[in-house]
PDB file of N, CA and C in Angstrom:
ATOM      1  N   MET A   1     135.532  70.467 103.077  1.00  0.00           N
ATOM      2  CA  MET A   1     135.045  70.301 101.739  1.00  0.00           C
ATOM      3  C   MET A   1     133.922  71.744 102.242  1.00  0.00           C
ATOM      4  N   ALA A   2     133.999  72.128 100.773  1.00  0.00           N
ATOM      5  CA  ALA A   2     133.180  74.397 101.229  1.00  0.00           C
ATOM      6  C   ALA A   2     131.746  73.549 100.222  1.00  0.00           C
ATOM      7  N   LYS A   3     131.370  73.922 100.525  1.00  0.00           N
ATOM      8  CA  LYS A   3     129.437  73.645 100.571  1.00  0.00           C
ATOM      9  C   LYS A   3     129.627  74.993  98.547  1.00  0.00           C
ATOM     10  N   PRO A   4     128.772  74.371  97.793  1.00  0.00           N
ATOM     11  CA  PRO A   4     128.579  74.296  96.436  1.00  0.00           C
ATOM     12  C   PRO A   4     127.832  76.121  96.504  1.00  0.00           C
ATOM     13  N   ARG A   5     127.731  76.623  95.936  1.00  0.00           N
ATOM     14  CA  ARG A   5     126.944  78.380  95.969  1.00  0.00           C
ATOM     15  C   ARG A   5     125.882  77.636  94.831  1.00  0.00           C
ATOM     16  N   VAL A   6     124.625  78.451  96.104  1.00  0.00           N
ATOM     17  CA  VAL A   6     123.436  77.950  95.361  1.00  0.00           C
ATOM     18  C   VAL A   6     123.287  79.764  94.496  1.00  0.00           C
ATOM     19  N   ARG A   7     122.716  79.535  93.596  1.00  0.00           N
ATOM     20  CA  ARG A   7     122.830  80.696  92.589  1.00  0.00           C
ATOM     21  C   ARG A   7     120.857  80.555  91.571  1.00  0.00           C
ATOM     22  N   VAL A   8     120.156  81.588  92.570  1.00  0.00           N
ATOM     23  CA  VAL A   8     118.808  81.752  92.229  1.00  0.00           C
ATOM     24  C   VAL A   8     118.619  82.554  90.816  1.00  0.00           C
ATOM     25  N   ARG A   9     118.663  82.497  90.024  1.00  0.00           N
ATOM     26  CA  ARG A   9     118.713  83.169  88.463  1.00  0.00           C
ATOM     27  C   ARG A   9     116.860  83.769  89.244  1.00  0.00           C
ATOM     28  N   LEU A  10     117.599  85.442  88.961  1.00  0.00           N
ATOM     29  CA  LEU A  10     116.002  86.031  88.594  1.00  0.00           C
ATOM     30  C   LEU A  10     115.821  86.863  87.046  1.00  0.00           C
ATOM     31  N   ASP A  11     114.344  86.005  86.594  1.00  0.00           N
ATOM     32  CA  ASP A  11     114.056  85.991  85.660  1.00  0.00           C
ATOM     33  C   ASP A  11     113.269  87.124  85.046  1.00  0.00           C
ATOM     34  N   LYS A  12     112.570  87.638  83.872  1.00  0.00           N
ATOM     35  CA  LYS A  12     111.975  89.198  83.918  1.00  0.00           C
ATOM     36  C   LYS A  12     110.825  88.888  84.360  1.00  0.00           C
ATOM     37  N   GLY A  13     110.157  87.273  84.722  1.00  0.00           N
ATOM     38  CA  GLY A  13     108.676  86.886  85.334  1.00  0.00           C
ATOM     39  C   GLY A  13     109.336  87.764  86.211  1.00  0.00           C
ATOM     40  N   MET A  14     109.886  87.117  86.685  1.00  0.00           N
ATOM     41  CA  MET A  14     109.722  87.578  88.688  1.00  0.00           C
ATOM     42  C   MET A  14     110.303  89.023  88.589  1.00  0.00           C
ATOM     43  N   LEU A  15     110.437  89.900  88.095  1.00  0.00           N
ATOM     44  CA  LEU A  15     111.043  90.913  88.070  1.00  0.00           C
ATOM     45  C   LEU A  15     109.593  91.753  87.647  1.00  0.00           C
ATOM     46  N   TYR A  16     109.289  91.676  87.225  1.00  0.00           N
ATOM     47  CA  TYR A  16     107.489  92.011  86.339  1.00  0.00           C
ATOM     48  C   TYR A  16     106.881  91.990  87.787  1.00  0.00           C
ATOM     49  N   GLY A  17     106.711  90.459  88.869  1.00  0.00           N
ATOM     50  CA  GLY A  17     105.592  90.370  89.389  1.00  0.00           C
ATOM     51  C   GLY A  17     106.473  90.831  90.754  1.00  0.00           C
ATOM     52  N   ALA A  18     107.145  91.414  90.991  1.00  0.00           N
ATOM     53  CA  ALA A  18     108.447  92.257  91.813  1.00  0.00           C
ATOM     54  C   ALA A  18     107.063  93.393  92.001  1.00  0.00           C
ATOM     55  N   VAL A  19     107.513  94.525  90.504  1.00  0.00           N
ATOM     56  CA  VAL A  19     107.393  95.781  90.510  1.00  0.00           C
ATOM     57  C   VAL A  19     105.370  95.995  90.080  1.00  0.00           C
ATOM     58  N   THR A  20     104.713  94.286  90.242  1.00  0.00           N
ATOM     59  CA  THR A  20     103.022  94.469  90.040  1.00  0.00           C
ATOM     60  C   THR A  20     103.270  94.797  91.981  1.00  0.00           C
ATOM     61  N   VAL A  21     103.749  93.658  92.787  1.00  0.00           N
ATOM     62  CA  VAL A  21     103.560  93.735  94.419  1.00  0.00           C
ATOM     63  C   VAL A  21     104.673  95.155  95.123  1.00  0.00           C
ATOM     64  N   LEU A  22     105.383  95.553  94.315  1.00  0.00           N
ATOM     65  CA  LEU A  22     105.752  96.578  94.896  1.00  0.00           C
ATOM     66  C   LEU A  22     104.914  98.076  94.721  1.00  0.00           C
ATOM     67  N   SER A  23     103.639  98.073  93.621  1.00  0.00           N
ATOM     68  CA  SER A  23     102.915  99.011  93.428  1.00  0.00           C
ATOM     69  C   SER A  23     101.730  99.122  94.057  1.00  0.00           C
ATOM     70  N   LEU A  24     101.241  97.917  94.488  1.00  0.00           N
ATOM     71  CA  LEU A  24     100.404  97.413  95.622  1.00  0.00           C
ATOM     72  C   LEU A  24     101.030  98.217  96.472  1.00  0.00           C
ATOM     73  N   VAL A  25     102.176  97.629  97.522  1.00  0.00           N
ATOM     74  CA  VAL A  25     101.916  97.921  98.550  1.00  0.00           C
ATOM     75  C   VAL A  25     102.793  99.607  98.704  1.00  0.00           C
ATOM     76  N   PHE A  26     102.634 100.572  97.490  1.00  0.00           N
ATOM     77  CA  PHE A  26     102.812 101.738  97.392  1.00  0.00           C
ATOM     78  C   PHE A  26     101.959 102.109  97.551  1.00  0.00           C
ATOM     79  N   MET A  27      99.893 101.847  97.190  1.00  0.00           N
ATOM     80  CA  MET A  27      99.237 102.555  97.365  1.00  0.00           C
ATOM     81  C   MET A  27      98.394 101.832  99.101  1.00  0.00           C
ATOM     82  N   ILE A  28      98.353 100.880  99.526  1.00  0.00           N
ATOM     83  CA  ILE A  28      97.937 100.027 100.707  1.00  0.00           C
ATOM     84  C   ILE A  28      98.414 101.330 101.992  1.00  0.00           C
ATOM     85  N   ASN A  29      97.708 101.864 102.878  1.00  0.00           N
ATOM     86  CA  ASN A  29      97.243 102.687 103.887  1.00  0.00           C
ATOM     87  C   ASN A  29      98.187 101.769 105.026  1.00  0.00           C
ATOM     88  N   HIS A  30      98.818 102.421 105.431  1.00  0.00           N
ATOM     89  CA  HIS A  30      99.177 101.962 107.285  1.00  0.00           C
ATOM     90  C   HIS A  30      99.044 102.548 108.317  1.00  0.00           C
ATOM     91  N   VAL A  31      99.680 102.224 109.243  1.00  0.00           N
ATOM     92  CA  VAL A  31      98.193 102.653 110.867  1.00  0.00           C
ATOM     93  C   VAL A  31      98.320 103.411 110.776  1.00  0.00           C
ATOM     94  N   TYR A  32      98.940 104.478 109.978  1.00  0.00           N
ATOM     95  CA  TYR A  32      98.010 106.102 110.614  1.00  0.00           C
ATOM     96  C   TYR A  32      97.328 106.652 109.671  1.00  0.00           C
ATOM     97  N   GLY A  33      97.528 105.592 108.765  1.00  0.00           N
ATOM     98  CA  GLY A  33      95.683 106.346 107.914  1.00  0.00           C
ATOM     99  C   GLY A  33      96.209 106.969 106.593  1.00  0.00           C
ATOM    100  N   TYR A  34      97.472 107.109 106.137  1.00  0.00           N
ATOM    101  CA  TYR A  34      97.457 107.090 104.512  1.00  0.00           C
ATOM    102  C   TYR A  34      98.600 106.368 103.985  1.00  0.00           C
ATOM    103  N   SER A  35      98.371 106.492 103.446  1.00  0.00           N
ATOM    104  CA  SER A  35      99.089 105.439 102.054  1.00  0.00           C
ATOM    105  C   SER A  35     100.992 105.616 102.303  1.00  0.00           C
ATOM    106  N   LEU A  36     101.242 104.215 101.736  1.00  0.00           N
ATOM    107  CA  LEU A  36     102.719 104.168 102.551  1.00  0.00           C
ATOM    108  C   LEU A  36     104.171 105.040 101.041  1.00  0.00           C
ATOM    109  N   GLY A  37     102.991 104.608  99.893  1.00  0.00           N
ATOM    110  CA  GLY A  37     103.763 105.802  98.815  1.00  0.00           C
ATOM    111  C   GLY A  37     103.386 108.126  99.623  1.00  0.00           C
ATOM    112  N   ASP A  38     102.843 108.130 100.396  1.00  0.00           N
ATOM    113  CA  ASP A  38     102.238 109.395 100.710  1.00  0.00           C
ATOM    114  C   ASP A  38     103.419 109.481 101.325  1.00  0.00           C
ATOM    115  N   SER A  39     104.142 108.331 102.976  1.00  0.00           N
ATOM    116  CA  SER A  39     104.630 108.896 103.339  1.00  0.00           C
ATOM    117  C   SER A  39     106.561 108.685 102.510  1.00  0.00           C
ATOM    118  N   LEU A  40     106.767 107.683 101.365  1.00  0.00           N
ATOM    119  CA  LEU A  40     107.829 108.032 100.699  1.00  0.00           C
ATOM    120  C   LEU A  40     107.712 108.968 100.057  1.00  0.00           C
ATOM    121  N   LEU A  41     106.416 109.961  99.649  1.00  0.00           N
ATOM    122  CA  LEU A  41     107.142 110.986  98.441  1.00  0.00           C
ATOM    123  C   LEU A  41     106.935 112.275  99.005  1.00  0.00           C
ATOM    124  N   GLU A  42     106.651 112.894 101.118  1.00  0.00           N
ATOM    125  CA  GLU A  42     107.054 113.306 101.544  1.00  0.00           C
ATOM    126  C   GLU A  42     108.288 113.274 101.868  1.00  0.00           C
ATOM    127  N   LEU A  43     108.377 112.159 102.499  1.00  0.00           N
ATOM    128  CA  LEU A  43     110.288 112.166 102.975  1.00  0.00           C
ATOM    129  C   LEU A  43     111.078 112.487 101.628  1.00  0.00           C
ATOM    130  N   ALA A  44     111.389 111.917 100.284  1.00  0.00           N
ATOM    131  CA  ALA A  44     111.680 113.206  99.408  1.00  0.00           C
ATOM    132  C   ALA A  44     110.625 114.249  99.248  1.00  0.00           C
ATOM    133  N   GLY A  45     110.346 114.886  99.678  1.00  0.00           N
ATOM    134  CA  GLY A  45     110.163 116.204 100.146  1.00  0.00           C
ATOM    135  C   GLY A  45     109.522 116.451  99.027  1.00  0.00           C
ATOM    136  N   ILE A  46     108.353 116.000  98.579  1.00  0.00           N
ATOM    137  CA  ILE A  46     106.583 115.905  97.210  1.00  0.00           C
ATOM    138  C   ILE A  46     106.559 115.724  97.573  1.00  0.00           C
ATOM    139  N   SER A  47     105.758 116.799  97.610  1.00  0.00           N
ATOM    140  CA  SER A  47     103.795 116.622  97.831  1.00  0.00           C
ATOM    141  C   SER A  47     102.942 115.108  97.346  1.00  0.00           C
ATOM    142  N   PRO A  48     102.391 114.536  97.610  1.00  0.00           N
ATOM    143  CA  PRO A  48     101.368 114.414  97.408  1.00  0.00           C
ATOM    144  C   PRO A  48     100.100 114.522  96.012  1.00  0.00           C
ATOM    145  N   TRP A  49     100.154 115.567  97.001  1.00  0.00           N
ATOM    146  CA  TRP A  49      98.811 116.182  95.619  1.00  0.00           C
ATOM    147  C   TRP A  49      99.568 116.677  94.847  1.00  0.00           C
ATOM    148  N   THR A  50      99.039 116.435  94.116  1.00  0.00           N
ATOM    149  CA  THR A  50      99.534 118.124  93.054  1.00  0.00           C
ATOM    150  C   THR A  50      99.144 120.123  93.781  1.00  0.00           C
ATOM    151  N   GLU A  51      98.078 120.236  94.254  1.00  0.00           N
ATOM    152  CA  GLU A  51      97.311 120.935  94.592  1.00  0.00           C
ATOM    153  C   GLU A  51      96.867 120.742  96.142  1.00  0.00           C
ATOM    154  N   PRO A  52      97.683 122.434  97.361  1.00  0.00           N
ATOM    155  CA  PRO A  52      97.678 121.801  97.833  1.00  0.00           C
ATOM    156  C   PRO A  52      95.911 122.690  99.345  1.00  0.00           C
ATOM    157  N   GLY A  53      96.366 121.499 100.161  1.00  0.00           N
ATOM    158  CA  GLY A  53      95.022 120.889 100.732  1.00  0.00           C
ATOM    159  C   GLY A  53      94.550 120.168 100.754  1.00  0.00           C
ATOM    160  N   GLN A  54      95.466 118.879  99.675  1.00  0.00           N
ATOM    161  CA  GLN A  54      94.950 117.900  99.923  1.00  0.00           C
ATOM    162  C   GLN A  54      93.556 118.107  98.364  1.00  0.00           C
ATOM    163  N   ASN A  55      94.224 118.717  97.889  1.00  0.00           N
ATOM    164  CA  ASN A  55      92.935 119.075  96.276  1.00  0.00           C
ATOM    165  C   ASN A  55      94.025 118.396  94.958  1.00  0.00           C
ATOM    166  N   GLY A  56      93.087 118.105  94.124  1.00  0.00           N
ATOM    167  CA  GLY A  56      93.327 118.244  92.638  1.00  0.00           C
ATOM    168  C   GLY A  56      93.848 116.517  92.906  1.00  0.00           C
ATOM    169  N   PHE A  57      94.664 116.191  91.563  1.00  0.00           N
ATOM    170  CA  PHE A  57      95.727 114.775  91.778  1.00  0.00           C
ATOM    171  C   PHE A  57      95.694 113.927  92.136  1.00  0.00           C
ATOM    172  N   HIS A  58      96.018 112.928  93.100  1.00  0.00           N
ATOM    173  CA  HIS A  58      96.419 111.954  94.247  1.00  0.00           C
ATOM    174  C   HIS A  58      98.092 111.525  93.793  1.00  0.00           C
ATOM    175  N   LEU A  59      99.238 112.256  94.003  1.00  0.00           N
ATOM    176  CA  LEU A  59      99.934 111.624  92.574  1.00  0.00           C
ATOM    177  C   LEU A  59     100.558 110.265  93.205  1.00  0.00           C
ATOM    178  N   THR A  60     100.366 109.651  94.597  1.00  0.00           N
ATOM    179  CA  THR A  60     100.829 108.577  94.843  1.00  0.00           C
ATOM    180  C   THR A  60      99.556 106.806  94.670  1.00  0.00           C
ATOM    181  N   VAL A  61      98.363 107.442  93.609  1.00  0.00           N
ATOM    182  CA  VAL A  61      97.380 106.675  92.878  1.00  0.00           C
ATOM    183  C   VAL A  61      98.117 106.805  91.643  1.00  0.00           C
ATOM    184  N   ILE A  62      98.410 107.985  91.289  1.00  0.00           N
ATOM    185  CA  ILE A  62      98.531 107.953  89.561  1.00  0.00           C
ATOM    186  C   ILE A  62      99.574 106.986  89.504  1.00  0.00           C
ATOM    187  N   ILE A  63     100.963 106.906  90.325  1.00  0.00           N
ATOM    188  CA  ILE A  63     101.989 105.930  90.527  1.00  0.00           C
ATOM    189  C   ILE A  63     102.001 104.982  90.334  1.00  0.00           C
ATOM    190  N   GLY A  64     101.011 104.562  91.439  1.00  0.00           N
ATOM    191  CA  GLY A  64     100.803 103.310  91.741  1.00  0.00           C
ATOM    192  C   GLY A  64     100.038 102.753  90.886  1.00  0.00           C
ATOM    193  N   PHE A  65      98.687 102.512  89.511  1.00  0.00           N
ATOM    194  CA  PHE A  65      98.324 102.135  88.808  1.00  0.00           C
ATOM    195  C   PHE A  65      99.197 101.911  87.923  1.00  0.00           C
ATOM    196  N   ILE A  66     100.099 103.112  87.184  1.00  0.00           N
ATOM    197  CA  ILE A  66     100.512 102.432  86.454  1.00  0.00           C
ATOM    198  C   ILE A  66     101.096 101.412  86.931  1.00  0.00           C
ATOM    199  N   GLY A  67     102.518 101.441  87.508  1.00  0.00           N
ATOM    200  CA  GLY A  67     102.774 100.510  87.587  1.00  0.00           C
ATOM    201  C   GLY A  67     102.443  99.285  88.174  1.00  0.00           C
ATOM    202  N   LEU A  68     101.310  98.729  88.748  1.00  0.00           N
ATOM    203  CA  LEU A  68     100.343  98.348  88.127  1.00  0.00           C
ATOM    204  C   LEU A  68      99.673  97.094  87.266  1.00  0.00           C
ATOM    205  N   ALA A  69      99.251  97.993  86.082  1.00  0.00           N
ATOM    206  CA  ALA A  69      99.313  98.152  84.789  1.00  0.00           C
ATOM    207  C   ALA A  69     101.125  97.249  84.035  1.00  0.00           C
ATOM    208  N   ALA A  70     101.688  98.836  84.282  1.00  0.00           N
ATOM    209  CA  ALA A  70     103.054  98.698  83.364  1.00  0.00           C
ATOM    210  C   ALA A  70     103.479  96.456  84.339  1.00  0.00           C
ATOM    211  N   GLY A  71     103.122  95.990  85.250  1.00  0.00           N
ATOM    212  CA  GLY A  71     104.042  95.116  85.944  1.00  0.00           C
ATOM    213  C   GLY A  71     102.472  94.098  85.324  1.00  0.00           C
ATOM    214  N   CYS A  72     101.381  93.829  85.482  1.00  0.00           N
ATOM    215  CA  CYS A  72      99.951  93.080  85.170  1.00  0.00           C
ATOM    216  C   CYS A  72     100.848  93.015  84.161  1.00  0.00           C
ATOM    217  N   GLY A  73     100.310  93.967  83.256  1.00  0.00           N
ATOM    218  CA  GLY A  73     100.940  93.489  81.336  1.00  0.00           C
ATOM    219  C   GLY A  73     102.088  93.143  80.565  1.00  0.00           C
ATOM    220  N   ALA A  74     102.990  93.846  81.432  1.00  0.00           N
ATOM    221  CA  ALA A  74     104.279  93.001  81.103  1.00  0.00           C
ATOM    222  C   ALA A  74     105.006  91.575  82.011  1.00  0.00           C
ATOM    223  N   THR A  75     103.801  91.271  82.800  1.00  0.00           N
ATOM    224  CA  THR A  75     104.182  89.515  83.280  1.00  0.00           C
ATOM    225  C   THR A  75     103.317  88.292  82.599  1.00  0.00           C
ATOM    226  N   VAL A  76     101.524  89.360  82.262  1.00  0.00           N
ATOM    227  CA  VAL A  76     101.232  88.332  81.138  1.00  0.00           C
ATOM    228  C   VAL A  76     101.855  88.682  80.232  1.00  0.00           C
ATOM    229  N   VAL A  77     102.377  89.001  79.091  1.00  0.00           N
ATOM    230  CA  VAL A  77     103.369  89.040  78.343  1.00  0.00           C
ATOM    231  C   VAL A  77     103.912  88.100  78.354  1.00  0.00           C
ATOM    232  N   TYR A  78     105.141  88.109  78.976  1.00  0.00           N
ATOM    233  CA  TYR A  78     105.777  87.457  79.261  1.00  0.00           C
ATOM    234  C   TYR A  78     105.596  86.077  79.501  1.00  0.00           C
ATOM    235  N   TYR A  79     104.825  85.747  80.436  1.00  0.00           N
ATOM    236  CA  TYR A  79     104.512  84.350  80.366  1.00  0.00           C
ATOM    237  C   TYR A  79     103.227  83.343  78.775  1.00  0.00           C
ATOM    238  N   ARG A  80     102.926  84.503  79.365  1.00  0.00           N
ATOM    239  CA  ARG A  80     102.547  84.047  77.609  1.00  0.00           C
ATOM    240  C   ARG A  80     103.200  83.619  76.624  1.00  0.00           C
ATOM    241  N   LYS A  81     104.698  84.432  76.373  1.00  0.00           N
ATOM    242  CA  LYS A  81     105.239  83.838  75.153  1.00  0.00           C
ATOM    243  C   LYS A  81     105.938  82.654  75.528  1.00  0.00           C
ATOM    244  N   ARG A  82     106.094  82.525  77.157  1.00  0.00           N
ATOM    245  CA  ARG A  82     106.293  80.900  78.159  1.00  0.00           C
ATOM    246  C   ARG A  82     105.212  79.620  77.839  1.00  0.00           C
ATOM    247  N   ASN A  83     104.483  80.352  78.484  1.00  0.00           N
ATOM    248  CA  ASN A  83     103.094  79.057  78.530  1.00  0.00           C
ATOM    249  C   ASN A  83     102.402  79.299  77.292  1.00  0.00           C
ATOM    250  N   ARG A  84     102.096  78.767  76.024  1.00  0.00           N
ATOM    251  CA  ARG A  84     101.218  79.435  75.603  1.00  0.00           C
ATOM    252  C   ARG A  84      99.995  79.196  76.037  1.00  0.00           C
ATOM    253  N   ARG A  85      99.784  77.734  76.310  1.00  0.00           N
ATOM    254  CA  ARG A  85      98.018  77.176  76.364  1.00  0.00           C
ATOM    255  C   ARG A  85      97.994  77.522  78.176  1.00  0.00           C
ATOM    256  N   ASP A  86      98.607  77.857  78.521  1.00  0.00           N
ATOM    257  CA  ASP A  86      97.602  78.147  79.998  1.00  0.00           C
ATOM    258  C   ASP A  86      97.350  79.757  79.684  1.00  0.00           C
ATOM    259  N   PHE A  87      97.191  80.613  78.912  1.00  0.00           N
ATOM    260  CA  PHE A  87      96.709  81.724  78.507  1.00  0.00           C
ATOM    261  C   PHE A  87      95.914  81.568  77.551  1.00  0.00           C
ATOM    262  N   CYS A  88      95.277  80.746  77.049  1.00  0.00           N
ATOM    263  CA  CYS A  88      94.392  81.094  75.843  1.00  0.00           C
ATOM    264  C   CYS A  88      93.096  81.056  76.393  1.00  0.00           C
ATOM    265  N   TRP A  89      92.476  82.326  75.415  1.00  0.00           N
ATOM    266  CA  TRP A  89      91.303  82.495  75.680  1.00  0.00           C
ATOM    267  C   TRP A  89      90.093  82.509  74.684  1.00  0.00           C
ATOM    268  N   PRO A  90      89.189  81.942  74.315  1.00  0.00           N
ATOM    269  CA  PRO A  90      88.028  80.099  75.107  1.00  0.00           C
ATOM    270  C   PRO A  90      89.407  78.634  75.644  1.00  0.00           C
ATOM    271  N   PRO A  91      89.317  78.201  76.133  1.00  0.00           N
ATOM    272  CA  PRO A  91      90.084  76.794  76.014  1.00  0.00           C
ATOM    273  C   PRO A  91      89.956  76.264  75.297  1.00  0.00           C
ATOM    274  N   SER A  92      88.963  76.729  74.541  1.00  0.00           N
ATOM    275  CA  SER A  92      88.790  75.412  73.466  1.00  0.00           C
ATOM    276  C   SER A  92      89.453  75.846  72.084  1.00  0.00           C
ATOM    277  N   ALA A  93      89.870  77.186  72.015  1.00  0.00           N
ATOM    278  CA  ALA A  93      90.375  77.921  71.255  1.00  0.00           C
ATOM    279  C   ALA A  93      92.026  77.547  70.942  1.00  0.00           C
ATOM    280  N   CYS A  94      92.643  76.462  72.210  1.00  0.00           N
ATOM    281  CA  CYS A  94      94.051  76.289  72.448  1.00  0.00           C
ATOM    282  C   CYS A  94      94.221  74.757  71.121  1.00  0.00           C
TER     283      CYS A  94
END
């Protein structure tokens, strides 16, 4: 007798949470002293800084903060629609 297949349903909230976590991982430093995002950008042939010599804007941080803001904002909006009482502020307003 065959085992029934278990399907994991990926909803938008999980996807938005994953974007948030991946942006944090993109910005953290690893054992070599620079961020994982720097390594990925250099692997793609893109300088992580806008100007030579580690000057200018740090693209890793900009990309990470944009992903973090988008992921957190979308997560709150998604779960606020699903669970209105959990996201009321002040609590007496519910």
